[in-house]
Amino acid sequence: MRVNCRRDPQGYCKDKSGHSKDSHTAGTLGTEREGNGVIIDSEGLILTIGYLIVEAETIEVIGPEEQPIRATFVGYDYNTGLGLLRTEKLLSVAPSSWGSPQGLKTGDPILIAGHGGADSAIPGRVLIRKEFAGYWNIFSRTPYTRFRPMPILAERR
């Protein structure tokens, strides 16, 4: 497999959110949620899985220093299921510089990464590509021991 796992996958963080027990999604998704985010600009904007932050009363982000930083909900896209949040204080990590999933095909090497850098990254391969049908469609099979929603990365071409 030709994925450079030694290249430190920087630009990722952990995001945590707290939700009211009376929120619409609390019954199915719980009141405490945790996942991974991709830092997409130098102003603290982070892309994450939307269900982690929709209806959140509190949001915090944990970067490489392992210190929680408060964040605010920016938006949620119902068509893709992705959400945006912004940290109140900048993280000391550069935005992600990995490539786009456009052009990936079955069999291509990928890197499954998230908060924790290279120690948390594992190589993989694209098994199948299908059109995204809705926010409820999350198909995954991973040996990642700390599974939570996380980015799947491809080298820039």
Protein backbone atom coordinates (compact mmCIF):
# COMPACT_ATOMS: atom_id res chain seq x y z
CA MET A 1 0.00 0.00 0.00
CA ARG A 2 1.47 3.37 -0.94
CA VAL A 3 0.02 5.75 1.63
CA ASN A 4 2.60 7.79 3.48
CA CYS A 5 1.62 7.07 7.09
CA ARG A 6 4.79 8.73 8.28
CA ARG A 7 3.59 12.03 6.93
CA ASP A 8 2.01 13.45 10.06
CA PRO A 9 -1.68 14.02 9.34
CA GLN A 10 -1.93 17.47 10.89
CA GLY A 11 -4.92 19.75 10.77
CA TYR A 12 -7.26 17.48 12.71
CA CYS A 13 -8.84 17.85 16.12
CA LYS A 14 -11.28 16.16 18.45
CA ASP A 15 -14.65 17.84 18.90
CA LYS A 16 -16.99 17.20 21.82
CA SER A 17 -20.51 18.45 22.31
CA GLY A 18 -23.12 18.45 25.03
CA HIS A 19 -26.85 18.32 24.28
CA SER A 20 -30.00 18.80 26.32
CA LYS A 21 -31.79 15.56 27.21
CA ASP A 22 -34.88 17.23 25.71
CA SER A 23 -33.26 17.91 22.32
CA HIS A 24 -34.83 16.23 19.29
CA THR A 25 -31.79 14.00 18.63
CA ALA A 26 -30.86 13.12 22.24
CA GLY A 27 -32.92 9.92 22.26
CA THR A 28 -31.05 8.38 19.35
CA LEU A 29 -27.65 10.12 19.41
CA GLY A 30 -27.22 10.78 23.12
CA THR A 31 -26.46 13.93 25.06
CA GLU A 32 -22.66 13.68 24.83
CA ARG A 33 -21.03 13.25 21.43
CA GLU A 34 -17.44 13.09 20.32
CA GLY A 35 -15.77 12.95 16.92
CA ASN A 36 -13.03 14.36 14.75
CA GLY A 37 -12.86 17.60 12.84
CA VAL A 38 -10.76 18.89 9.96
CA ILE A 39 -9.28 22.36 10.42
CA ILE A 40 -9.97 24.07 7.08
CA ASP A 41 -8.65 27.60 7.54
CA SER A 42 -6.30 29.63 9.71
CA GLU A 43 -9.20 31.45 11.44
CA GLY A 44 -10.43 28.46 13.46
CA LEU A 45 -13.05 27.09 11.03
CA ILE A 46 -13.53 23.32 11.42
CA LEU A 47 -15.46 20.85 9.27
CA THR A 48 -17.03 17.94 11.14
CA ILE A 49 -19.89 15.45 10.98
CA GLY A 50 -23.02 17.51 11.51
CA TYR A 51 -24.82 15.27 14.00
CA LEU A 52 -22.02 15.91 16.48
CA ILE A 53 -22.88 19.60 16.72
CA VAL A 54 -26.50 20.06 15.62
CA GLU A 55 -28.62 21.13 18.62
CA ALA A 56 -25.49 21.35 20.80
CA GLU A 57 -25.61 23.47 23.94
CA THR A 58 -21.83 23.28 24.38
CA ILE A 59 -19.04 22.55 21.91
CA GLU A 60 -15.35 22.24 22.60
CA VAL A 61 -12.40 21.34 20.43
CA ILE A 62 -9.24 19.57 21.54
CA GLY A 63 -6.11 20.12 19.48
CA PRO A 64 -2.57 18.77 19.77
CA GLU A 65 -2.03 20.46 23.16
CA GLU A 66 -4.91 18.39 24.60
CA GLN A 67 -6.48 21.54 26.07
CA PRO A 68 -10.24 22.10 25.47
CA ILE A 69 -11.10 25.27 23.54
CA ARG A 70 -14.68 26.51 23.31
CA ALA A 71 -16.24 26.56 19.86
CA THR A 72 -19.48 27.83 18.37
CA PHE A 73 -21.86 26.31 15.86
CA VAL A 74 -21.56 27.97 12.43
CA GLY A 75 -23.83 25.84 10.27
CA TYR A 76 -25.16 22.49 9.18
CA ASP A 77 -25.69 21.27 5.60
CA TYR A 78 -28.63 18.86 5.42
CA ASN A 79 -27.63 17.66 1.94
CA THR A 80 -24.20 16.39 3.00
CA GLY A 81 -24.64 15.89 6.74
CA LEU A 82 -21.57 18.04 7.42
CA GLY A 83 -21.31 20.81 9.98
CA LEU A 84 -19.06 23.80 10.57
CA LEU A 85 -17.87 25.20 13.85
CA ARG A 86 -15.42 27.94 14.83
CA THR A 87 -13.08 27.96 17.81
CA GLU A 88 -13.02 30.98 20.10
CA LYS A 89 -9.22 30.74 20.24
CA LEU A 90 -6.94 29.58 17.42
CA LEU A 91 -5.45 26.11 17.62
CA SER A 92 -1.68 25.84 17.26
CA VAL A 93 -1.91 23.64 14.20
CA ALA A 94 -2.03 24.49 10.50
CA PRO A 95 -5.10 23.67 8.41
CA SER A 96 -5.15 20.27 6.71
CA SER A 97 -3.19 20.08 3.47
CA TRP A 98 -4.40 16.69 2.29
CA GLY A 99 -6.08 16.19 -1.07
CA SER A 100 -9.62 15.79 -2.27
CA PRO A 101 -11.69 12.59 -2.59
CA GLN A 102 -12.49 13.55 -6.19
CA GLY A 103 -11.00 10.98 -8.49
CA LEU A 104 -10.59 8.28 -5.85
CA LYS A 105 -11.60 4.89 -7.17
CA THR A 106 -11.97 1.38 -5.84
CA GLY A 107 -8.60 0.03 -4.71
CA ASP A 108 -6.92 3.42 -4.18
CA PRO A 109 -4.90 3.81 -0.97
CA ILE A 110 -6.28 6.11 1.74
CA LEU A 111 -5.34 7.15 5.25
CA ILE A 112 -7.89 7.02 8.07
CA ALA A 113 -6.85 9.76 10.47
CA GLY A 114 -8.10 12.06 13.15
CA HIS A 115 -7.07 13.62 16.43
CA GLY A 116 -3.82 12.09 17.62
CA GLY A 117 -1.58 12.59 14.58
CA ALA A 118 0.43 9.84 12.97
CA ASP A 119 0.07 7.52 15.98
CA SER A 120 -3.69 7.37 15.38
CA ALA A 121 -3.58 7.05 11.59
CA ILE A 122 -4.01 3.75 9.78
CA PRO A 123 -3.77 2.91 6.07
CA GLY A 124 -6.70 1.55 4.12
CA ARG A 125 -8.11 1.16 0.63
CA VAL A 126 -11.26 2.39 -1.03
CA LEU A 127 -13.58 -0.62 -1.09
CA ILE A 128 -16.54 0.93 -2.88
CA ARG A 129 -17.81 4.35 -3.95
CA LYS A 130 -21.48 5.19 -3.98
CA GLU A 131 -23.49 8.33 -4.18
CA PHE A 132 -24.18 9.80 -0.75
CA ALA A 133 -27.83 9.13 -0.02
CA GLY A 134 -28.36 10.92 3.28
CA TYR A 135 -27.01 11.80 6.67
CA TRP A 136 -28.11 8.43 8.07
CA ASN A 137 -25.92 6.49 5.62
CA ILE A 138 -22.57 5.97 7.30
CA PHE A 139 -20.98 2.77 6.09
CA SER A 140 -17.68 1.88 7.64
CA ARG A 141 -15.53 -1.03 8.54
CA THR A 142 -12.36 -0.09 10.33
CA PRO A 143 -9.89 -1.62 12.76
CA TYR A 144 -9.47 1.88 14.25
CA THR A 145 -9.62 1.17 17.97
CA ARG A 146 -10.92 4.63 18.92
CA PHE A 147 -13.59 4.72 16.23
CA ARG A 148 -15.60 7.85 15.94
CA PRO A 149 -16.42 9.85 12.82
CA MET A 150 -13.10 10.72 11.22
CA PRO A 151 -11.64 11.98 7.95
CA ILE A 152 -10.49 9.62 5.23
CA LEU A 153 -7.52 11.15 3.44
CA ALA A 154 -5.92 10.86 0.04
CA GLU A 155 -2.62 12.29 -1.15
CA ARG A 156 -2.87 15.35 -3.43
CA ARG A 157 -2.36 14.36 -7.05
